[in-house]
Amino acid sequence: MVTKDDLPKYKEFEYSVLVAASTLGGSGHKNEIISAVIDAEKISDEALELVYESDGKKSLVVDRIEWAMSYNVMGGVMDRPERGLYVLNAAGRRLLGLEEEQAR
Protein backbone atom coordinates (compact mmCIF):
# COMPACT_ATOMS: atom_id res chain seq x y z
CA MET A 1 0.00 0.00 0.00
CA VAL A 2 1.37 3.39 -1.02
CA THR A 3 1.15 6.24 1.48
CA LYS A 4 1.76 9.95 0.99
CA ASP A 5 5.11 9.54 2.76
CA ASP A 6 6.17 7.13 -0.01
CA LEU A 7 5.62 9.74 -2.73
CA PRO A 8 8.49 11.80 -4.13
CA LYS A 9 8.63 15.38 -2.85
CA TYR A 10 8.31 18.23 -5.32
CA LYS A 11 12.09 18.78 -5.39
CA GLU A 12 12.53 15.23 -6.64
CA PHE A 13 10.38 16.09 -9.68
CA GLU A 14 12.22 19.26 -10.73
CA TYR A 15 14.78 17.46 -12.92
CA SER A 16 12.10 15.14 -14.33
CA VAL A 17 10.09 18.19 -15.41
CA LEU A 18 13.10 19.53 -17.32
CA VAL A 19 13.61 16.17 -19.02
CA ALA A 20 9.92 15.97 -19.88
CA ALA A 21 9.94 19.43 -21.46
CA SER A 22 13.03 18.49 -23.43
CA THR A 23 11.46 15.27 -24.73
CA LEU A 24 8.41 17.28 -25.78
CA GLY A 25 10.61 19.45 -27.99
CA GLY A 26 11.61 22.06 -25.41
CA SER A 27 8.18 23.12 -24.27
CA GLY A 28 4.81 21.77 -23.32
CA HIS A 29 1.52 22.57 -21.75
CA LYS A 30 1.09 21.73 -18.10
CA ASN A 31 -0.86 18.51 -18.65
CA GLU A 32 1.57 17.27 -21.32
CA ILE A 33 4.52 17.72 -18.99
CA ILE A 34 2.68 16.15 -16.06
CA SER A 35 1.80 13.10 -18.18
CA ALA A 36 5.38 12.80 -19.43
CA VAL A 37 6.74 12.92 -15.87
CA ILE A 38 4.23 10.34 -14.65
CA ASP A 39 5.19 8.03 -17.52
CA ALA A 40 8.94 8.55 -17.14
CA GLU A 41 8.88 8.08 -13.38
CA LYS A 42 6.52 5.11 -13.69
CA ILE A 43 4.12 6.53 -11.11
CA SER A 44 1.59 3.86 -10.24
CA ASP A 45 -2.17 4.32 -10.44
CA GLU A 46 -2.26 3.64 -6.71
CA ALA A 47 0.08 6.58 -6.08
CA LEU A 48 -1.94 8.82 -8.41
CA GLU A 49 -5.11 8.01 -6.49
CA LEU A 50 -3.76 9.53 -3.27
CA VAL A 51 -5.57 12.84 -2.84
CA TYR A 52 -5.68 15.66 -0.35
CA GLU A 53 -8.01 14.85 2.52
CA SER A 54 -9.42 18.38 2.51
CA ASP A 55 -11.02 18.14 -0.93
CA GLY A 56 -10.65 14.52 -1.96
CA LYS A 57 -10.00 15.53 -5.57
CA LYS A 58 -6.46 16.84 -6.06
CA SER A 59 -3.82 14.15 -6.62
CA LEU A 60 -0.83 14.60 -4.34
CA VAL A 61 1.56 13.47 -7.07
CA VAL A 62 0.13 15.86 -9.66
CA ASP A 63 0.27 18.70 -7.14
CA ARG A 64 3.91 17.98 -6.40
CA ILE A 65 4.77 17.90 -10.10
CA GLU A 66 2.98 21.25 -10.53
CA TRP A 67 5.04 22.68 -7.65
CA ALA A 68 8.21 21.39 -9.32
CA MET A 69 7.19 23.17 -12.51
CA SER A 70 6.59 26.41 -10.60
CA TYR A 71 9.91 26.15 -8.79
CA ASN A 72 11.70 25.57 -12.11
CA VAL A 73 10.21 28.84 -13.34
CA MET A 74 11.13 30.66 -10.12
CA GLY A 75 14.60 29.13 -10.27
CA GLY A 76 15.15 30.49 -13.75
CA VAL A 77 15.49 27.21 -15.66
CA MET A 78 12.09 27.37 -17.35
CA ASP A 79 9.91 30.18 -18.64
CA ARG A 80 6.14 30.43 -18.59
CA PRO A 81 5.29 32.83 -21.42
CA GLU A 82 1.58 32.19 -21.04
CA ARG A 83 -0.67 30.42 -18.61
CA GLY A 84 -0.13 26.67 -18.73
CA LEU A 85 2.80 26.76 -21.18
CA TYR A 86 6.25 25.87 -19.87
CA VAL A 87 9.38 26.43 -21.95
CA LEU A 88 12.86 25.11 -21.28
CA ASN A 89 15.27 28.07 -21.44
CA ALA A 90 19.05 28.27 -21.90
CA ALA A 91 19.74 27.74 -18.19
CA GLY A 92 17.53 24.65 -18.18
CA ARG A 93 19.24 23.25 -21.26
CA ARG A 94 22.62 23.80 -19.57
CA LEU A 95 21.40 21.80 -16.56
CA LEU A 96 20.33 18.97 -18.84
CA GLY A 97 23.82 18.96 -20.29
CA LEU A 98 25.23 17.97 -16.89
CA GLU A 99 25.27 14.52 -15.36
CA GLU A 100 21.86 13.87 -13.77
CA GLU A 101 23.20 13.72 -10.22
CA GLN A 102 25.03 17.03 -10.64
CA ALA A 103 22.01 18.68 -12.28
CA ARG A 104 19.71 17.61 -9.49
PDB file of N, CA and C in Angstrom:
ATOM      1  N   MET A   1       0.841  -1.191   0.000  1.00  0.00           N
ATOM      2  CA  MET A   1       0.000   0.000   0.000  1.00  0.00           C
ATOM      3  C   MET A   1       0.887   1.255   0.000  1.00  0.00           C
ATOM      4  N   VAL A   2       0.620   2.145  -0.908  1.00  0.00           N
ATOM      5  CA  VAL A   2       1.369   3.388  -1.023  1.00  0.00           C
ATOM      6  C   VAL A   2       0.750   4.433  -0.098  1.00  0.00           C
ATOM      7  N   THR A   3       1.611   5.143   0.636  1.00  0.00           N
ATOM      8  CA  THR A   3       1.146   6.238   1.481  1.00  0.00           C
ATOM      9  C   THR A   3       1.741   7.540   0.968  1.00  0.00           C
ATOM     10  N   LYS A   4       1.240   8.659   1.458  1.00  0.00           N
ATOM     11  CA  LYS A   4       1.757   9.946   0.989  1.00  0.00           C
ATOM     12  C   LYS A   4       3.226  10.115   1.334  1.00  0.00           C
ATOM     13  N   ASP A   5       3.694   9.462   2.396  1.00  0.00           N
ATOM     14  CA  ASP A   5       5.108   9.538   2.761  1.00  0.00           C
ATOM     15  C   ASP A   5       6.000   8.794   1.759  1.00  0.00           C
ATOM     16  N   ASP A   6       5.419   7.883   1.000  1.00  0.00           N
ATOM     17  CA  ASP A   6       6.169   7.131  -0.006  1.00  0.00           C
ATOM     18  C   ASP A   6       6.372   7.927  -1.296  1.00  0.00           C
ATOM     19  N   LEU A   7       5.586   8.970  -1.480  1.00  0.00           N
ATOM     20  CA  LEU A   7       5.619   9.736  -2.733  1.00  0.00           C
ATOM     21  C   LEU A   7       6.842  10.641  -2.789  1.00  0.00           C
ATOM     22  N   PRO A   8       7.388  10.845  -3.991  1.00  0.00           N
ATOM     23  CA  PRO A   8       8.493  11.804  -4.131  1.00  0.00           C
ATOM     24  C   PRO A   8       8.020  13.205  -3.741  1.00  0.00           C
ATOM     25  N   LYS A   9       8.919  13.975  -3.164  1.00  0.00           N
ATOM     26  CA  LYS A   9       8.632  15.376  -2.847  1.00  0.00           C
ATOM     27  C   LYS A   9       8.783  16.192  -4.128  1.00  0.00           C
ATOM     28  N   TYR A  10       8.271  17.425  -4.104  1.00  0.00           N
ATOM     29  CA  TYR A  10       8.306  18.235  -5.324  1.00  0.00           C
ATOM     30  C   TYR A  10       9.721  18.418  -5.845  1.00  0.00           C
ATOM     31  N   LYS A  11      10.707  18.574  -4.959  1.00  0.00           N
ATOM     32  CA  LYS A  11      12.091  18.778  -5.390  1.00  0.00           C
ATOM     33  C   LYS A  11      12.600  17.599  -6.214  1.00  0.00           C
ATOM     34  N   GLU A  12      12.095  16.420  -5.919  1.00  0.00           N
ATOM     35  CA  GLU A  12      12.526  15.231  -6.639  1.00  0.00           C
ATOM     36  C   GLU A  12      11.954  15.186  -8.058  1.00  0.00           C
ATOM     37  N   PHE A  13      10.975  16.033  -8.345  1.00  0.00           N
ATOM     38  CA  PHE A  13      10.376  16.091  -9.677  1.00  0.00           C
ATOM     39  C   PHE A  13      10.967  17.204 -10.547  1.00  0.00           C
ATOM     40  N   GLU A  14      11.740  18.106  -9.963  1.00  0.00           N
ATOM     41  CA  GLU A  14      12.225  19.255 -10.725  1.00  0.00           C
ATOM     42  C   GLU A  14      13.043  18.837 -11.956  1.00  0.00           C
ATOM     43  N   TYR A  15      13.973  17.916 -11.780  1.00  0.00           N
ATOM     44  CA  TYR A  15      14.780  17.462 -12.917  1.00  0.00           C
ATOM     45  C   TYR A  15      13.905  16.720 -13.924  1.00  0.00           C
ATOM     46  N   SER A  16      12.997  15.903 -13.440  1.00  0.00           N
ATOM     47  CA  SER A  16      12.103  15.144 -14.329  1.00  0.00           C
ATOM     48  C   SER A  16      11.257  16.074 -15.188  1.00  0.00           C
ATOM     49  N   VAL A  17      10.862  17.204 -14.638  1.00  0.00           N
ATOM     50  CA  VAL A  17      10.090  18.191 -15.405  1.00  0.00           C
ATOM     51  C   VAL A  17      10.940  18.746 -16.545  1.00  0.00           C
ATOM     52  N   LEU A  18      12.207  19.030 -16.273  1.00  0.00           N
ATOM     53  CA  LEU A  18      13.100  19.527 -17.324  1.00  0.00           C
ATOM     54  C   LEU A  18      13.259  18.492 -18.433  1.00  0.00           C
ATOM     55  N   VAL A  19      13.463  17.249 -18.033  1.00  0.00           N
ATOM     56  CA  VAL A  19      13.615  16.173 -19.019  1.00  0.00           C
ATOM     57  C   VAL A  19      12.338  16.030 -19.839  1.00  0.00           C
ATOM     58  N   ALA A  20      11.198  16.094 -19.181  1.00  0.00           N
ATOM     59  CA  ALA A  20       9.918  15.969 -19.879  1.00  0.00           C
ATOM     60  C   ALA A  20       9.753  17.078 -20.909  1.00  0.00           C
ATOM     61  N   ALA A  21      10.056  18.314 -20.509  1.00  0.00           N
ATOM     62  CA  ALA A  21       9.942  19.432 -21.456  1.00  0.00           C
ATOM     63  C   ALA A  21      10.881  19.224 -22.637  1.00  0.00           C
ATOM     64  N   SER A  22      12.069  18.735 -22.364  1.00  0.00           N
ATOM     65  CA  SER A  22      13.031  18.487 -23.431  1.00  0.00           C
ATOM     66  C   SER A  22      12.520  17.422 -24.401  1.00  0.00           C
ATOM     67  N   THR A  23      11.962  16.341 -23.866  1.00  0.00           N
ATOM     68  CA  THR A  23      11.462  15.274 -24.735  1.00  0.00           C
ATOM     69  C   THR A  23      10.245  15.713 -25.537  1.00  0.00           C
ATOM     70  N   LEU A  24       9.567  16.738 -25.049  1.00  0.00           N
ATOM     71  CA  LEU A  24       8.415  17.276 -25.775  1.00  0.00           C
ATOM     72  C   LEU A  24       8.836  18.336 -26.796  1.00  0.00           C
ATOM     73  N   GLY A  25      10.128  18.485 -27.005  1.00  0.00           N
ATOM     74  CA  GLY A  25      10.609  19.454 -27.989  1.00  0.00           C
ATOM     75  C   GLY A  25      11.035  20.773 -27.390  1.00  0.00           C
ATOM     76  N   GLY A  26      11.163  20.837 -26.072  1.00  0.00           N
ATOM     77  CA  GLY A  26      11.611  22.060 -25.413  1.00  0.00           C
ATOM     78  C   GLY A  26      10.519  22.831 -24.724  1.00  0.00           C
ATOM     79  N   SER A  27       9.280  22.429 -24.940  1.00  0.00           N
ATOM     80  CA  SER A  27       8.176  23.115 -24.272  1.00  0.00           C
ATOM     81  C   SER A  27       6.960  22.190 -24.241  1.00  0.00           C
ATOM     82  N   GLY A  28       6.037  22.544 -23.387  1.00  0.00           N
ATOM     83  CA  GLY A  28       4.809  21.770 -23.323  1.00  0.00           C
ATOM     84  C   GLY A  28       3.808  22.432 -22.418  1.00  0.00           C
ATOM     85  N   HIS A  29       2.569  22.083 -22.637  1.00  0.00           N
ATOM     86  CA  HIS A  29       1.523  22.568 -21.745  1.00  0.00           C
ATOM     87  C   HIS A  29       1.559  21.748 -20.463  1.00  0.00           C
ATOM     88  N   LYS A  30       1.035  22.327 -19.429  1.00  0.00           N
ATOM     89  CA  LYS A  30       1.090  21.733 -18.098  1.00  0.00           C
ATOM     90  C   LYS A  30       0.723  20.257 -18.101  1.00  0.00           C
ATOM     91  N   ASN A  31      -0.401  19.907 -18.684  1.00  0.00           N
ATOM     92  CA  ASN A  31      -0.858  18.514 -18.650  1.00  0.00           C
ATOM     93  C   ASN A  31       0.033  17.580 -19.455  1.00  0.00           C
ATOM     94  N   GLU A  32       0.637  18.085 -20.535  1.00  0.00           N
ATOM     95  CA  GLU A  32       1.568  17.270 -21.317  1.00  0.00           C
ATOM     96  C   GLU A  32       2.811  16.938 -20.490  1.00  0.00           C
ATOM     97  N   ILE A  33       3.324  17.935 -19.806  1.00  0.00           N
ATOM     98  CA  ILE A  33       4.522  17.722 -18.987  1.00  0.00           C
ATOM     99  C   ILE A  33       4.206  16.803 -17.816  1.00  0.00           C
ATOM    100  N   ILE A  34       3.065  17.013 -17.176  1.00  0.00           N
ATOM    101  CA  ILE A  34       2.677  16.150 -16.059  1.00  0.00           C
ATOM    102  C   ILE A  34       2.579  14.705 -16.525  1.00  0.00           C
ATOM    103  N   SER A  35       1.931  14.472 -17.643  1.00  0.00           N
ATOM    104  CA  SER A  35       1.799  13.102 -18.176  1.00  0.00           C
ATOM    105  C   SER A  35       3.161  12.496 -18.491  1.00  0.00           C
ATOM    106  N   ALA A  36       4.048  13.296 -19.083  1.00  0.00           N
ATOM    107  CA  ALA A  36       5.379  12.801 -19.428  1.00  0.00           C
ATOM    108  C   ALA A  36       6.174  12.431 -18.175  1.00  0.00           C
ATOM    109  N   VAL A  37       6.044  13.224 -17.125  1.00  0.00           N
ATOM    110  CA  VAL A  37       6.744  12.925 -15.871  1.00  0.00           C
ATOM    111  C   VAL A  37       6.178  11.653 -15.248  1.00  0.00           C
ATOM    112  N   ILE A  38       4.869  11.540 -15.218  1.00  0.00           N
ATOM    113  CA  ILE A  38       4.226  10.342 -14.654  1.00  0.00           C
ATOM    114  C   ILE A  38       4.687   9.096 -15.395  1.00  0.00           C
ATOM    115  N   ASP A  39       4.740   9.167 -16.715  1.00  0.00           N
ATOM    116  CA  ASP A  39       5.189   8.028 -17.516  1.00  0.00           C
ATOM    117  C   ASP A  39       6.662   7.717 -17.264  1.00  0.00           C
ATOM    118  N   ALA A  40       7.499   8.747 -17.298  1.00  0.00           N
ATOM    119  CA  ALA A  40       8.942   8.551 -17.142  1.00  0.00           C
ATOM    120  C   ALA A  40       9.303   8.017 -15.757  1.00  0.00           C
ATOM    121  N   GLU A  41       8.600   8.502 -14.751  1.00  0.00           N
ATOM    122  CA  GLU A  41       8.879   8.081 -13.378  1.00  0.00           C
ATOM    123  C   GLU A  41       8.111   6.820 -12.988  1.00  0.00           C
ATOM    124  N   LYS A  42       7.311   6.325 -13.928  1.00  0.00           N
ATOM    125  CA  LYS A  42       6.519   5.110 -13.693  1.00  0.00           C
ATOM    126  C   LYS A  42       5.698   5.204 -12.402  1.00  0.00           C
ATOM    127  N   ILE A  43       4.984   6.312 -12.279  1.00  0.00           N
ATOM    128  CA  ILE A  43       4.125   6.535 -11.115  1.00  0.00           C
ATOM    129  C   ILE A  43       2.923   5.604 -11.230  1.00  0.00           C
ATOM    130  N   SER A  44       2.674   4.851 -10.204  1.00  0.00           N
ATOM    131  CA  SER A  44       1.585   3.865 -10.239  1.00  0.00           C
ATOM    132  C   SER A  44       0.222   4.537 -10.120  1.00  0.00           C
ATOM    133  N   ASP A  45      -0.789   3.831 -10.586  1.00  0.00           N
ATOM    134  CA  ASP A  45      -2.165   4.319 -10.442  1.00  0.00           C
ATOM    135  C   ASP A  45      -2.507   4.486  -8.964  1.00  0.00           C
ATOM    136  N   GLU A  46      -2.008   3.565  -8.159  1.00  0.00           N
ATOM    137  CA  GLU A  46      -2.265   3.635  -6.709  1.00  0.00           C
ATOM    138  C   GLU A  46      -1.713   4.944  -6.132  1.00  0.00           C
ATOM    139  N   ALA A  47      -0.515   5.326  -6.560  1.00  0.00           N
ATOM    140  CA  ALA A  47       0.079   6.578  -6.081  1.00  0.00           C
ATOM    141  C   ALA A  47      -0.718   7.779  -6.591  1.00  0.00           C
ATOM    142  N   LEU A  48      -1.166   7.709  -7.836  1.00  0.00           N
ATOM    143  CA  LEU A  48      -1.937   8.816  -8.410  1.00  0.00           C
ATOM    144  C   LEU A  48      -3.289   8.999  -7.729  1.00  0.00           C
ATOM    145  N   GLU A  49      -3.795   7.942  -7.151  1.00  0.00           N
ATOM    146  CA  GLU A  49      -5.107   8.009  -6.491  1.00  0.00           C
ATOM    147  C   GLU A  49      -5.051   8.645  -5.109  1.00  0.00           C
ATOM    148  N   LEU A  50      -3.857   8.855  -4.559  1.00  0.00           N
ATOM    149  CA  LEU A  50      -3.756   9.526  -3.268  1.00  0.00           C
ATOM    150  C   LEU A  50      -4.103  10.995  -3.458  1.00  0.00           C
ATOM    151  N   VAL A  51      -5.073  11.467  -2.692  1.00  0.00           N
ATOM    152  CA  VAL A  51      -5.567  12.840  -2.839  1.00  0.00           C
ATOM    153  C   VAL A  51      -5.500  13.559  -1.501  1.00  0.00           C
ATOM    154  N   TYR A  52      -5.617  14.871  -1.569  1.00  0.00           N
ATOM    155  CA  TYR A  52      -5.683  15.662  -0.347  1.00  0.00           C
ATOM    156  C   TYR A  52      -6.963  15.341   0.401  1.00  0.00           C
ATOM    157  N   GLU A  53      -6.844  15.171   1.702  1.00  0.00           N
ATOM    158  CA  GLU A  53      -8.012  14.852   2.523  1.00  0.00           C
ATOM    159  C   GLU A  53      -9.021  15.990   2.540  1.00  0.00           C
ATOM    160  N   SER A  54      -8.535  17.224   2.403  1.00  0.00           N
ATOM    161  CA  SER A  54      -9.418  18.381   2.509  1.00  0.00           C
ATOM    162  C   SER A  54     -10.447  18.460   1.387  1.00  0.00           C
ATOM    163  N   ASP A  55     -10.054  18.047   0.172  1.00  0.00           N
ATOM    164  CA  ASP A  55     -11.021  18.145  -0.930  1.00  0.00           C
ATOM    165  C   ASP A  55     -11.298  16.807  -1.604  1.00  0.00           C
ATOM    166  N   GLY A  56     -10.419  15.836  -1.396  1.00  0.00           N
ATOM    167  CA  GLY A  56     -10.651  14.521  -1.963  1.00  0.00           C
ATOM    168  C   GLY A  56     -10.586  14.451  -3.473  1.00  0.00           C
ATOM    169  N   LYS A  57     -10.038  15.482  -4.110  1.00  0.00           N
ATOM    170  CA  LYS A  57     -10.002  15.526  -5.573  1.00  0.00           C
ATOM    171  C   LYS A  57      -8.591  15.664  -6.126  1.00  0.00           C
ATOM    172  N   LYS A  58      -7.775  16.488  -5.506  1.00  0.00           N
ATOM    173  CA  LYS A  58      -6.460  16.837  -6.056  1.00  0.00           C
ATOM    174  C   LYS A  58      -5.435  15.753  -5.734  1.00  0.00           C
ATOM    175  N   SER A  59      -4.859  15.166  -6.778  1.00  0.00           N
ATOM    176  CA  SER A  59      -3.819  14.149  -6.619  1.00  0.00           C
ATOM    177  C   SER A  59      -2.573  14.772  -6.000  1.00  0.00           C
ATOM    178  N   LEU A  60      -2.042  14.124  -4.978  1.00  0.00           N
ATOM    179  CA  LEU A  60      -0.826  14.603  -4.336  1.00  0.00           C
ATOM    180  C   LEU A  60       0.348  14.609  -5.311  1.00  0.00           C
ATOM    181  N   VAL A  61       0.459  13.557  -6.115  1.00  0.00           N
ATOM    182  CA  VAL A  61       1.557  13.467  -7.074  1.00  0.00           C
ATOM    183  C   VAL A  61       1.466  14.597  -8.096  1.00  0.00           C
ATOM    184  N   VAL A  62       0.302  14.797  -8.653  1.00  0.00           N
ATOM    185  CA  VAL A  62       0.132  15.857  -9.657  1.00  0.00           C
ATOM    186  C   VAL A  62       0.443  17.213  -9.037  1.00  0.00           C
ATOM    187  N   ASP A  63      -0.004  17.438  -7.819  1.00  0.00           N
ATOM    188  CA  ASP A  63       0.266  18.704  -7.139  1.00  0.00           C
ATOM    189  C   ASP A  63       1.770  18.902  -6.960  1.00  0.00           C
ATOM    190  N   ARG A  64       2.466  17.864  -6.599  1.00  0.00           N
ATOM    191  CA  ARG A  64       3.912  17.979  -6.398  1.00  0.00           C
ATOM    192  C   ARG A  64       4.640  18.231  -7.714  1.00  0.00           C
ATOM    193  N   ILE A  65       4.169  17.636  -8.787  1.00  0.00           N
ATOM    194  CA  ILE A  65       4.766  17.903 -10.103  1.00  0.00           C
ATOM    195  C   ILE A  65       4.505  19.358 -10.495  1.00  0.00           C
ATOM    196  N   GLU A  66       3.297  19.846 -10.226  1.00  0.00           N
ATOM    197  CA  GLU A  66       2.977  21.253 -10.526  1.00  0.00           C
ATOM    198  C   GLU A  66       3.875  22.195  -9.727  1.00  0.00           C
ATOM    199  N   TRP A  67       4.135  21.857  -8.457  1.00  0.00           N
ATOM    200  CA  TRP A  67       5.043  22.684  -7.655  1.00  0.00           C
ATOM    201  C   TRP A  67       6.448  22.648  -8.243  1.00  0.00           C
ATOM    202  N   ALA A  68       6.891  21.494  -8.697  1.00  0.00           N
ATOM    203  CA  ALA A  68       8.214  21.390  -9.316  1.00  0.00           C
ATOM    204  C   ALA A  68       8.287  22.284 -10.551  1.00  0.00           C
ATOM    205  N   MET A  69       7.227  22.314 -11.331  1.00  0.00           N
ATOM    206  CA  MET A  69       7.185  23.170 -12.513  1.00  0.00           C
ATOM    207  C   MET A  69       7.297  24.641 -12.101  1.00  0.00           C
ATOM    208  N   SER A  70       6.548  25.026 -11.080  1.00  0.00           N
ATOM    209  CA  SER A  70       6.591  26.410 -10.600  1.00  0.00           C
ATOM    210  C   SER A  70       7.978  26.775 -10.079  1.00  0.00           C
ATOM    211  N   TYR A  71       8.579  25.875  -9.321  1.00  0.00           N
ATOM    212  CA  TYR A  71       9.915  26.149  -8.794  1.00  0.00           C
ATOM    213  C   TYR A  71      10.958  26.209  -9.903  1.00  0.00           C
ATOM    214  N   ASN A  72      10.785  25.456 -10.967  1.00  0.00           N
ATOM    215  CA  ASN A  72      11.697  25.565 -12.105  1.00  0.00           C
ATOM    216  C   ASN A  72      11.591  26.941 -12.750  1.00  0.00           C
ATOM    217  N   VAL A  73      10.384  27.483 -12.809  1.00  0.00           N
ATOM    218  CA  VAL A  73      10.206  28.840 -13.340  1.00  0.00           C
ATOM    219  C   VAL A  73      10.848  29.850 -12.384  1.00  0.00           C
ATOM    220  N   MET A  74      10.557  29.729 -11.094  1.00  0.00           N
ATOM    221  CA  MET A  74      11.126  30.664 -10.115  1.00  0.00           C
ATOM    222  C   MET A  74      12.643  30.552 -10.052  1.00  0.00           C
ATOM    223  N   GLY A  75      13.165  29.350 -10.296  1.00  0.00           N
ATOM    224  CA  GLY A  75      14.602  29.133 -10.266  1.00  0.00           C
ATOM    225  C   GLY A  75      15.314  29.555 -11.538  1.00  0.00           C
ATOM    226  N   GLY A  76      14.557  29.956 -12.535  1.00  0.00           N
ATOM    227  CA  GLY A  76      15.154  30.492 -13.751  1.00  0.00           C
ATOM    228  C   GLY A  76      15.604  29.467 -14.773  1.00  0.00           C
ATOM    229  N   VAL A  77      15.100  28.218 -14.675  1.00  0.00           N
ATOM    230  CA  VAL A  77      15.495  27.209 -15.660  1.00  0.00           C
ATOM    231  C   VAL A  77      14.378  26.890 -16.646  1.00  0.00           C
ATOM    232  N   MET A  78      13.213  27.469 -16.418  1.00  0.00           N
ATOM    233  CA  MET A  78      12.090  27.367 -17.349  1.00  0.00           C
ATOM    234  C   MET A  78      11.398  28.727 -17.392  1.00  0.00           C
ATOM    235  N   ASP A  79      10.733  28.971 -18.497  1.00  0.00           N
ATOM    236  CA  ASP A  79       9.915  30.178 -18.639  1.00  0.00           C
ATOM    237  C   ASP A  79       8.462  29.757 -18.781  1.00  0.00           C
ATOM    238  N   ARG A  80       7.582  30.658 -18.405  1.00  0.00           N
ATOM    239  CA  ARG A  80       6.142  30.430 -18.585  1.00  0.00           C
ATOM    240  C   ARG A  80       5.593  31.658 -19.307  1.00  0.00           C
ATOM    241  N   PRO A  81       5.698  31.654 -20.654  1.00  0.00           N
ATOM    242  CA  PRO A  81       5.291  32.826 -21.418  1.00  0.00           C
ATOM    243  C   PRO A  81       3.790  33.074 -21.415  1.00  0.00           C
ATOM    244  N   GLU A  82       3.027  32.037 -21.162  1.00  0.00           N
ATOM    245  CA  GLU A  82       1.578  32.190 -21.040  1.00  0.00           C
ATOM    246  C   GLU A  82       1.075  31.127 -20.074  1.00  0.00           C
ATOM    247  N   ARG A  83      -0.102  31.338 -19.587  1.00  0.00           N
ATOM    248  CA  ARG A  83      -0.670  30.416 -18.611  1.00  0.00           C
ATOM    249  C   ARG A  83      -0.686  28.986 -19.159  1.00  0.00           C
ATOM    250  N   GLY A  84      -0.102  28.082 -18.387  1.00  0.00           N
ATOM    251  CA  GLY A  84      -0.134  26.674 -18.735  1.00  0.00           C
ATOM    252  C   GLY A  84       0.941  26.204 -19.696  1.00  0.00           C
ATOM    253  N   LEU A  85       1.744  27.122 -20.240  1.00  0.00           N
ATOM    254  CA  LEU A  85       2.804  26.761 -21.179  1.00  0.00           C
ATOM    255  C   LEU A  85       4.154  26.925 -20.487  1.00  0.00           C
ATOM    256  N   TYR A  86       4.934  25.865 -20.497  1.00  0.00           N
ATOM    257  CA  TYR A  86       6.253  25.873 -19.869  1.00  0.00           C
ATOM    258  C   TYR A  86       7.300  25.627 -20.944  1.00  0.00           C
ATOM    259  N   VAL A  87       8.348  26.469 -20.920  1.00  0.00           N
ATOM    260  CA  VAL A  87       9.379  26.433 -21.955  1.00  0.00           C
ATOM    261  C   VAL A  87      10.743  26.287 -21.283  1.00  0.00           C
ATOM    262  N   LEU A  88      11.489  25.317 -21.747  1.00  0.00           N
ATOM    263  CA  LEU A  88      12.857  25.113 -21.284  1.00  0.00           C
ATOM    264  C   LEU A  88      13.696  26.259 -21.827  1.00  0.00           C
ATOM    265  N   ASN A  89      14.432  26.965 -20.968  1.00  0.00           N
ATOM    266  CA  ASN A  89      15.268  28.068 -21.440  1.00  0.00           C
ATOM    267  C   ASN A  89      16.739  27.646 -21.460  1.00  0.00           C
ATOM    268  N   ALA A  90      17.621  28.580 -21.762  1.00  0.00           N
ATOM    269  CA  ALA A  90      19.052  28.266 -21.899  1.00  0.00           C
ATOM    270  C   ALA A  90      19.622  27.694 -20.604  1.00  0.00           C
ATOM    271  N   ALA A  91      19.231  28.241 -19.470  1.00  0.00           N
ATOM    272  CA  ALA A  91      19.738  27.736 -18.188  1.00  0.00           C
ATOM    273  C   ALA A  91      19.275  26.295 -17.955  1.00  0.00           C
ATOM    274  N   GLY A  92      18.047  26.003 -18.314  1.00  0.00           N
ATOM    275  CA  GLY A  92      17.528  24.646 -18.182  1.00  0.00           C
ATOM    276  C   GLY A  92      18.235  23.676 -19.108  1.00  0.00           C
ATOM    277  N   ARG A  93      18.517  24.113 -20.320  1.00  0.00           N
ATOM    278  CA  ARG A  93      19.244  23.255 -21.263  1.00  0.00           C
ATOM    279  C   ARG A  93      20.663  22.989 -20.767  1.00  0.00           C
ATOM    280  N   ARG A  94      21.281  24.006 -20.142  1.00  0.00           N
ATOM    281  CA  ARG A  94      22.618  23.802 -19.572  1.00  0.00           C
ATOM    282  C   ARG A  94      22.571  22.751 -18.460  1.00  0.00           C
ATOM    283  N   LEU A  95      21.551  22.812 -17.620  1.00  0.00           N
ATOM    284  CA  LEU A  95      21.399  21.802 -16.560  1.00  0.00           C
ATOM    285  C   LEU A  95      21.275  20.404 -17.151  1.00  0.00           C
ATOM    286  N   LEU A  96      20.512  20.279 -18.212  1.00  0.00           N
ATOM    287  CA  LEU A  96      20.327  18.970 -18.836  1.00  0.00           C
ATOM    288  C   LEU A  96      21.612  18.467 -19.486  1.00  0.00           C
ATOM    289  N   GLY A  97      22.548  19.357 -19.733  1.00  0.00           N
ATOM    290  CA  GLY A  97      23.822  18.958 -20.294  1.00  0.00           C
ATOM    291  C   GLY A  97      24.781  18.376 -19.258  1.00  0.00           C
ATOM    292  N   LEU A  98      24.415  18.516 -17.983  1.00  0.00           N
ATOM    293  CA  LEU A  98      25.235  17.972 -16.891  1.00  0.00           C
ATOM    294  C   LEU A  98      24.837  16.528 -16.617  1.00  0.00           C
ATOM    295  N   GLU A  99      25.653  15.835 -15.856  1.00  0.00           N
ATOM    296  CA  GLU A  99      25.271  14.518 -15.359  1.00  0.00           C
ATOM    297  C   GLU A  99      24.043  14.698 -14.479  1.00  0.00           C
ATOM    298  N   GLU A 100      23.122  13.744 -14.506  1.00  0.00           N
ATOM    299  CA  GLU A 100      21.857  13.869 -13.773  1.00  0.00           C
ATOM    300  C   GLU A 100      22.080  14.191 -12.296  1.00  0.00           C
ATOM    301  N   GLU A 101      22.983  13.497 -11.649  1.00  0.00           N
ATOM    302  CA  GLU A 101      23.195  13.723 -10.218  1.00  0.00           C
ATOM    303  C   GLU A 101      23.659  15.156  -9.951  1.00  0.00           C
ATOM    304  N   GLN A 102      24.536  15.663 -10.796  1.00  0.00           N
ATOM    305  CA  GLN A 102      25.029  17.028 -10.643  1.00  0.00           C
ATOM    306  C   GLN A 102      23.909  18.036 -10.922  1.00  0.00           C
ATOM    307  N   ALA A 103      23.103  17.769 -11.924  1.00  0.00           N
ATOM    308  CA  ALA A 103      22.012  18.681 -12.283  1.00  0.00           C
ATOM    309  C   ALA A 103      20.960  18.751 -11.187  1.00  0.00           C
ATOM    310  N   ARG A 104      20.701  17.625 -10.554  1.00  0.00           N
ATOM    311  CA  ARG A 104      19.707  17.609  -9.485  1.00  0.00           C
ATOM    312  C   ARG A 104      20.187  18.455  -8.327  1.00  0.00           C
TER     313      ARG A 104
END
